[in-house]
Amino acid sequence: MRALLFALTLSSPALADIHALAKAKTGGEYVLLTERCAESGKKAYVYLDDGQTEDGCWVADSHTVTIVWAKTGKRRYPISHFTLQKTTTKRDVTVEERRSW
C-alpha cells in the first residue's frame, strides 16, 4: 500500500501556487498563478459571482498587471489592486503571509 501511495505521489502533476489575488468589481476574484504559460508569462484565471470564468496569461511591471485573456483579449489592471500571496510549508505547518506589492 505504501508503495502505491508513493507511486501516485510521483505521477501526480504539481499544483501551481497562487502568486496574487484581487477582488473583481462585480464580485469574484482574479487569481495570478506561479505556473508558466505555454505562450509567455504565467497563468491566470478569473471567476465571477455570476458563474463566468476565463483563463489567461499575466506579466507585471512596477505599476501594472497585464493579462491576456483567452476570450476577451489584453487587459491592464493597477498592481495596487492585487495582494501578494506567499505560502511556505515547514514540517506539517503551513504559514501564509500577505503583503502588498
N, C-alpha and C. Protein backbone atom coordinates (compact mmCIF):
# COMPACT_ATOMS: atom_id res chain seq x y z
N MET A 1 0.82 -1.19 0.00
CA MET A 1 0.00 0.00 0.00
C MET A 1 0.87 1.26 0.00
N ARG A 2 1.93 1.25 0.81
CA ARG A 2 2.82 2.40 0.89
C ARG A 2 3.49 2.67 -0.46
N ALA A 3 3.88 1.60 -1.18
CA ALA A 3 4.50 1.75 -2.50
C ALA A 3 3.52 2.36 -3.49
N LEU A 4 2.24 1.97 -3.41
CA LEU A 4 1.22 2.52 -4.30
C LEU A 4 1.04 4.01 -4.05
N LEU A 5 0.96 4.41 -2.80
CA LEU A 5 0.83 5.83 -2.49
C LEU A 5 2.03 6.63 -2.97
N PHE A 6 3.22 6.07 -2.82
CA PHE A 6 4.43 6.74 -3.28
C PHE A 6 4.40 6.90 -4.80
N ALA A 7 3.98 5.85 -5.52
CA ALA A 7 3.90 5.91 -6.98
C ALA A 7 2.88 6.94 -7.43
N LEU A 8 1.73 7.02 -6.75
CA LEU A 8 0.72 8.01 -7.10
C LEU A 8 1.23 9.43 -6.84
N THR A 9 1.99 9.61 -5.80
CA THR A 9 2.55 10.92 -5.50
C THR A 9 3.51 11.36 -6.59
N LEU A 10 4.34 10.46 -7.08
CA LEU A 10 5.29 10.80 -8.13
C LEU A 10 4.61 11.07 -9.46
N SER A 11 3.50 10.41 -9.73
CA SER A 11 2.85 10.55 -11.03
C SER A 11 1.87 11.71 -11.08
N SER A 12 1.48 12.27 -9.94
CA SER A 12 0.51 13.36 -9.95
C SER A 12 1.22 14.66 -10.33
N PRO A 13 0.55 15.52 -11.13
CA PRO A 13 1.18 16.76 -11.54
C PRO A 13 1.30 17.73 -10.37
N ALA A 14 2.30 18.58 -10.41
CA ALA A 14 2.47 19.58 -9.36
C ALA A 14 1.42 20.67 -9.53
N LEU A 15 0.90 21.13 -8.41
CA LEU A 15 -0.09 22.20 -8.46
C LEU A 15 0.61 23.55 -8.45
N ALA A 16 0.05 24.50 -9.15
CA ALA A 16 0.61 25.84 -9.17
C ALA A 16 0.24 26.56 -7.88
N ASP A 17 1.16 27.35 -7.40
CA ASP A 17 0.88 28.18 -6.23
C ASP A 17 0.22 29.47 -6.69
N ILE A 18 -0.52 30.08 -5.78
CA ILE A 18 -1.13 31.38 -6.06
C ILE A 18 -0.11 32.46 -5.77
N HIS A 19 0.13 33.32 -6.74
CA HIS A 19 1.08 34.42 -6.58
C HIS A 19 0.39 35.65 -5.98
N ALA A 20 -0.79 36.00 -6.53
CA ALA A 20 -1.50 37.19 -6.06
C ALA A 20 -2.99 37.06 -6.34
N LEU A 21 -3.79 37.81 -5.58
CA LEU A 21 -5.24 37.81 -5.72
C LEU A 21 -5.76 39.24 -5.78
N ALA A 22 -6.89 39.43 -6.47
CA ALA A 22 -7.58 40.73 -6.49
C ALA A 22 -9.08 40.47 -6.57
N LYS A 23 -9.84 41.27 -5.87
CA LYS A 23 -11.29 41.17 -5.93
C LYS A 23 -11.78 41.81 -7.22
N ALA A 24 -12.75 41.16 -7.87
CA ALA A 24 -13.37 41.72 -9.07
C ALA A 24 -14.46 42.71 -8.64
N LYS A 25 -14.63 43.79 -9.39
CA LYS A 25 -15.64 44.81 -9.05
C LYS A 25 -17.04 44.24 -8.99
N THR A 26 -17.34 43.28 -9.87
CA THR A 26 -18.68 42.71 -9.93
C THR A 26 -18.83 41.50 -9.03
N GLY A 27 -17.85 41.23 -8.20
CA GLY A 27 -17.88 40.05 -7.33
C GLY A 27 -17.08 38.93 -7.96
N GLY A 28 -16.38 38.18 -7.16
CA GLY A 28 -15.50 37.13 -7.65
C GLY A 28 -14.05 37.53 -7.42
N GLU A 29 -13.13 36.89 -8.13
CA GLU A 29 -11.73 37.12 -7.85
C GLU A 29 -10.85 36.85 -9.07
N TYR A 30 -9.79 37.67 -9.20
CA TYR A 30 -8.72 37.44 -10.16
C TYR A 30 -7.62 36.69 -9.44
N VAL A 31 -7.09 35.63 -10.06
CA VAL A 31 -6.07 34.80 -9.44
C VAL A 31 -4.87 34.72 -10.38
N LEU A 32 -3.70 35.14 -9.89
CA LEU A 32 -2.45 35.04 -10.64
C LEU A 32 -1.65 33.87 -10.08
N LEU A 33 -1.28 32.93 -10.94
CA LEU A 33 -0.56 31.73 -10.52
C LEU A 33 0.93 31.82 -10.80
N THR A 34 1.70 30.94 -10.20
CA THR A 34 3.15 30.89 -10.42
C THR A 34 3.52 30.00 -11.60
N GLU A 35 2.58 29.23 -12.12
CA GLU A 35 2.84 28.29 -13.22
C GLU A 35 3.00 29.03 -14.54
N ARG A 36 3.99 28.67 -15.32
CA ARG A 36 4.28 29.31 -16.61
C ARG A 36 3.21 28.97 -17.65
N CYS A 37 2.90 29.95 -18.49
CA CYS A 37 2.02 29.74 -19.64
C CYS A 37 2.85 29.18 -20.79
N ALA A 38 2.20 28.48 -21.69
CA ALA A 38 2.90 27.95 -22.86
C ALA A 38 3.38 29.10 -23.75
N GLU A 39 2.57 30.17 -23.88
CA GLU A 39 2.91 31.30 -24.74
C GLU A 39 4.00 32.15 -24.09
N SER A 40 3.64 32.91 -23.08
CA SER A 40 4.58 33.72 -22.31
C SER A 40 3.90 34.14 -21.02
N GLY A 41 4.68 34.52 -20.04
CA GLY A 41 4.11 34.93 -18.77
C GLY A 41 3.73 33.73 -17.92
N LYS A 42 2.83 33.98 -16.99
CA LYS A 42 2.35 32.94 -16.08
C LYS A 42 0.83 32.86 -16.16
N LYS A 43 0.28 31.74 -15.70
CA LYS A 43 -1.16 31.50 -15.83
C LYS A 43 -1.97 32.36 -14.86
N ALA A 44 -3.16 32.70 -15.31
CA ALA A 44 -4.12 33.45 -14.51
C ALA A 44 -5.51 32.92 -14.79
N TYR A 45 -6.41 33.16 -13.86
CA TYR A 45 -7.82 32.90 -14.13
C TYR A 45 -8.66 33.86 -13.33
N VAL A 46 -9.89 34.02 -13.78
CA VAL A 46 -10.85 34.85 -13.07
C VAL A 46 -12.13 34.04 -12.93
N TYR A 47 -12.78 34.19 -11.80
CA TYR A 47 -14.12 33.64 -11.63
C TYR A 47 -14.99 34.74 -11.05
N LEU A 48 -16.16 34.90 -11.62
CA LEU A 48 -17.07 35.95 -11.22
C LEU A 48 -18.27 35.35 -10.51
N ASP A 49 -18.96 36.17 -9.72
CA ASP A 49 -20.10 35.69 -8.95
C ASP A 49 -21.24 35.18 -9.83
N ASP A 50 -21.31 35.65 -11.09
CA ASP A 50 -22.37 35.19 -11.98
C ASP A 50 -22.04 33.86 -12.65
N GLY A 51 -20.91 33.24 -12.29
CA GLY A 51 -20.55 31.92 -12.81
C GLY A 51 -19.58 31.94 -13.98
N GLN A 52 -19.26 33.11 -14.51
CA GLN A 52 -18.32 33.19 -15.63
C GLN A 52 -16.89 32.94 -15.14
N THR A 53 -16.11 32.24 -15.97
CA THR A 53 -14.69 32.04 -15.69
C THR A 53 -13.92 32.25 -16.99
N GLU A 54 -12.64 32.57 -16.85
CA GLU A 54 -11.80 32.71 -18.03
C GLU A 54 -10.35 32.50 -17.63
N ASP A 55 -9.57 31.90 -18.52
CA ASP A 55 -8.15 31.67 -18.31
C ASP A 55 -7.34 32.68 -19.10
N GLY A 56 -6.13 32.94 -18.63
CA GLY A 56 -5.25 33.86 -19.34
C GLY A 56 -3.81 33.71 -18.89
N CYS A 57 -2.95 34.60 -19.40
CA CYS A 57 -1.54 34.65 -19.04
C CYS A 57 -1.21 36.07 -18.61
N TRP A 58 -0.41 36.20 -17.55
CA TRP A 58 -0.12 37.52 -17.00
C TRP A 58 1.37 37.81 -16.93
N VAL A 59 1.68 39.11 -16.98
CA VAL A 59 3.01 39.66 -16.70
C VAL A 59 2.77 40.94 -15.90
N ALA A 60 3.79 41.38 -15.15
CA ALA A 60 3.64 42.60 -14.34
C ALA A 60 4.89 43.45 -14.43
N ASP A 61 4.69 44.77 -14.32
CA ASP A 61 5.79 45.69 -14.13
C ASP A 61 5.55 46.38 -12.79
N SER A 62 6.20 47.47 -12.52
CA SER A 62 6.08 48.09 -11.20
C SER A 62 4.73 48.77 -10.95
N HIS A 63 3.92 48.97 -12.00
CA HIS A 63 2.64 49.66 -11.84
C HIS A 63 1.42 48.87 -12.31
N THR A 64 1.64 47.92 -13.21
CA THR A 64 0.52 47.31 -13.92
C THR A 64 0.66 45.80 -14.03
N VAL A 65 -0.47 45.12 -13.90
CA VAL A 65 -0.55 43.70 -14.24
C VAL A 65 -1.28 43.62 -15.58
N THR A 66 -0.64 43.03 -16.57
CA THR A 66 -1.24 42.87 -17.89
C THR A 66 -1.61 41.40 -18.05
N ILE A 67 -2.90 41.16 -18.36
CA ILE A 67 -3.38 39.79 -18.56
C ILE A 67 -3.95 39.68 -19.96
N VAL A 68 -3.51 38.67 -20.69
CA VAL A 68 -4.09 38.37 -22.00
C VAL A 68 -5.07 37.22 -21.77
N TRP A 69 -6.37 37.56 -21.80
CA TRP A 69 -7.42 36.58 -21.57
C TRP A 69 -7.71 35.80 -22.84
N ALA A 70 -8.10 34.55 -22.70
CA ALA A 70 -8.37 33.68 -23.85
C ALA A 70 -9.51 34.22 -24.72
N LYS A 71 -10.55 34.78 -24.10
CA LYS A 71 -11.72 35.26 -24.86
C LYS A 71 -11.73 36.77 -25.05
N THR A 72 -11.42 37.51 -24.01
CA THR A 72 -11.60 38.97 -24.05
C THR A 72 -10.35 39.74 -24.42
N GLY A 73 -9.22 39.07 -24.61
CA GLY A 73 -8.01 39.75 -25.06
C GLY A 73 -7.24 40.42 -23.93
N LYS A 74 -6.41 41.39 -24.29
CA LYS A 74 -5.48 42.03 -23.35
C LYS A 74 -6.20 43.07 -22.48
N ARG A 75 -5.94 42.97 -21.17
CA ARG A 75 -6.47 43.94 -20.21
C ARG A 75 -5.36 44.31 -19.24
N ARG A 76 -5.38 45.56 -18.77
CA ARG A 76 -4.40 46.03 -17.78
C ARG A 76 -5.11 46.40 -16.49
N TYR A 77 -4.47 46.07 -15.35
CA TYR A 77 -5.03 46.32 -14.03
C TYR A 77 -3.97 46.98 -13.16
N PRO A 78 -4.35 47.94 -12.31
CA PRO A 78 -3.36 48.53 -11.39
C PRO A 78 -2.81 47.46 -10.44
N ILE A 79 -1.52 47.46 -10.28
CA ILE A 79 -0.88 46.45 -9.43
C ILE A 79 -1.33 46.58 -7.98
N SER A 80 -1.75 47.77 -7.59
CA SER A 80 -2.19 48.01 -6.21
C SER A 80 -3.47 47.25 -5.86
N HIS A 81 -4.21 46.80 -6.87
CA HIS A 81 -5.43 46.02 -6.60
C HIS A 81 -5.14 44.60 -6.15
N PHE A 82 -3.91 44.12 -6.39
CA PHE A 82 -3.55 42.74 -6.09
C PHE A 82 -2.82 42.64 -4.76
N THR A 83 -3.10 41.55 -4.05
CA THR A 83 -2.41 41.24 -2.80
C THR A 83 -1.54 40.02 -3.05
N LEU A 84 -0.24 40.15 -2.78
CA LEU A 84 0.67 39.02 -2.94
C LEU A 84 0.34 37.93 -1.95
N GLN A 85 0.52 36.69 -2.37
CA GLN A 85 0.33 35.53 -1.51
C GLN A 85 1.65 34.78 -1.44
N LYS A 86 2.10 34.48 -0.27
CA LYS A 86 3.32 33.69 -0.12
C LYS A 86 3.03 32.58 0.87
N THR A 87 3.09 31.35 0.40
CA THR A 87 2.81 30.21 1.27
C THR A 87 4.08 29.38 1.39
N THR A 88 4.45 29.10 2.62
CA THR A 88 5.61 28.24 2.85
C THR A 88 5.19 27.10 3.75
N THR A 89 5.74 25.93 3.51
CA THR A 89 5.43 24.77 4.33
C THR A 89 6.69 24.32 5.04
N LYS A 90 6.62 24.22 6.34
CA LYS A 90 7.74 23.74 7.12
C LYS A 90 7.19 22.69 8.07
N ARG A 91 7.75 21.48 7.96
CA ARG A 91 7.24 20.32 8.69
C ARG A 91 5.78 20.12 8.30
N ASP A 92 4.86 20.07 9.24
CA ASP A 92 3.45 19.89 8.90
C ASP A 92 2.64 21.16 9.11
N VAL A 93 3.32 22.29 9.24
CA VAL A 93 2.65 23.56 9.50
C VAL A 93 2.74 24.43 8.25
N THR A 94 1.62 24.96 7.80
CA THR A 94 1.61 25.85 6.65
C THR A 94 1.35 27.27 7.14
N VAL A 95 2.18 28.20 6.70
CA VAL A 95 2.06 29.59 7.10
C VAL A 95 1.81 30.42 5.85
N GLU A 96 0.84 31.32 5.91
CA GLU A 96 0.54 32.20 4.77
C GLU A 96 0.85 33.63 5.16
N GLU A 97 1.61 34.32 4.31
CA GLU A 97 1.98 35.70 4.57
C GLU A 97 1.38 36.56 3.47
N ARG A 98 0.64 37.59 3.85
CA ARG A 98 0.05 38.50 2.86
C ARG A 98 0.75 39.85 2.99
N ARG A 99 1.08 40.44 1.87
CA ARG A 99 1.71 41.74 1.86
C ARG A 99 1.38 42.44 0.56
N SER A 100 1.62 43.71 0.50
CA SER A 100 1.37 44.48 -0.71
C SER A 100 2.56 44.35 -1.65
N TRP A 101 2.32 44.70 -2.93
CA TRP A 101 3.40 44.67 -3.91
C TRP A 101 4.39 45.63 -3.43
